[in-house]
Amino acid sequence: MTRQLTAIIEKEGDGYVALCPEVDVASQGGTVDEARANLKEALELFFETASPEEIKTRVHDEVYVTHVEVAVG
């Protein structure tokens, strides 16, 4: 079974941080591709080791990624 999840990747210092908001799992890497691959590995490990109860409580089925315009300064 496979599941489509969200990966948010942003530059942080000399590397990149990757976050999956559906289960609140994060990883990092030196490049975008490395951060994405490391996140995928972390997610697979989470789903392999977490109990069904933990998965049920941590998985958010609805996550929306959008832009918000705000006044600054």
Protein backbone atom coordinates (compact mmCIF):
# COMPACT_ATOMS: atom_id res chain seq x y z
CA MET A 1 0.00 0.00 0.00
CA THR A 2 1.20 3.50 -0.75
CA ARG A 3 0.02 6.89 0.41
CA GLN A 4 0.55 10.35 -1.10
CA LEU A 5 1.93 12.76 1.52
CA THR A 6 3.05 16.39 1.52
CA ALA A 7 6.72 17.37 1.73
CA ILE A 8 7.57 20.98 2.59
CA ILE A 9 11.25 21.69 2.03
CA GLU A 10 12.98 24.91 2.97
CA LYS A 11 16.54 26.18 3.07
CA GLU A 12 18.02 26.37 6.53
CA GLY A 13 21.64 27.40 6.95
CA ASP A 14 23.83 25.37 4.60
CA GLY A 15 21.21 22.65 4.07
CA TYR A 16 17.53 21.92 3.72
CA VAL A 17 14.84 20.81 6.16
CA ALA A 18 11.97 18.63 4.95
CA LEU A 19 8.68 18.34 6.84
CA CYS A 20 5.65 16.15 6.32
CA PRO A 21 2.78 18.00 8.05
CA GLU A 22 0.35 15.06 7.82
CA VAL A 23 2.31 13.13 10.47
CA ASP A 24 4.68 15.81 11.79
CA VAL A 25 7.82 13.96 10.68
CA ALA A 26 10.90 15.92 9.61
CA SER A 27 14.35 15.25 8.22
CA GLN A 28 17.16 17.18 6.59
CA GLY A 29 19.82 17.01 3.92
CA GLY A 30 22.52 18.95 2.15
CA THR A 31 20.42 19.32 -1.01
CA VAL A 32 16.71 19.42 -1.79
CA ASP A 33 16.91 15.91 -3.26
CA GLU A 34 18.77 14.58 -0.22
CA ALA A 35 16.30 16.19 2.20
CA ARG A 36 13.39 14.69 0.23
CA ALA A 37 14.99 11.23 0.18
CA ASN A 38 15.77 11.41 3.90
CA LEU A 39 12.19 12.47 4.64
CA LYS A 40 10.88 9.55 2.60
CA GLU A 41 13.10 7.19 4.60
CA ALA A 42 11.96 8.73 7.91
CA LEU A 43 8.31 8.39 6.88
CA GLU A 44 8.73 4.76 5.85
CA LEU A 45 10.40 4.05 9.20
CA PHE A 46 7.58 5.80 11.03
CA PHE A 47 4.91 3.72 9.28
CA GLU A 48 6.91 0.50 9.83
CA THR A 49 7.41 1.03 13.56
CA ALA A 50 4.44 3.06 14.82
CA SER A 51 1.48 1.26 16.32
CA PRO A 52 -1.86 1.46 14.49
CA GLU A 53 -3.13 3.64 17.35
CA GLU A 54 -0.25 6.11 17.00
CA ILE A 55 -0.72 6.28 13.24
CA LYS A 56 -4.43 6.94 13.71
CA THR A 57 -3.80 9.81 16.13
CA ARG A 58 -0.93 11.39 14.15
CA VAL A 59 -2.18 11.22 10.56
CA HIS A 60 -4.02 14.35 9.43
CA ASP A 61 -6.06 13.59 6.32
CA GLU A 62 -6.54 17.21 5.31
CA VAL A 63 -3.49 19.44 4.87
CA TYR A 64 -3.62 22.58 2.75
CA VAL A 65 -0.56 24.38 1.48
CA THR A 66 -1.33 27.88 0.24
CA HIS A 67 -0.06 31.46 0.27
CA VAL A 68 -1.31 34.21 2.55
CA GLU A 69 -0.75 37.90 1.88
CA VAL A 70 0.03 39.95 4.99
CA ALA A 71 1.02 43.55 5.65
CA VAL A 72 4.59 43.94 6.91
CA GLY A 73 6.28 47.00 8.36
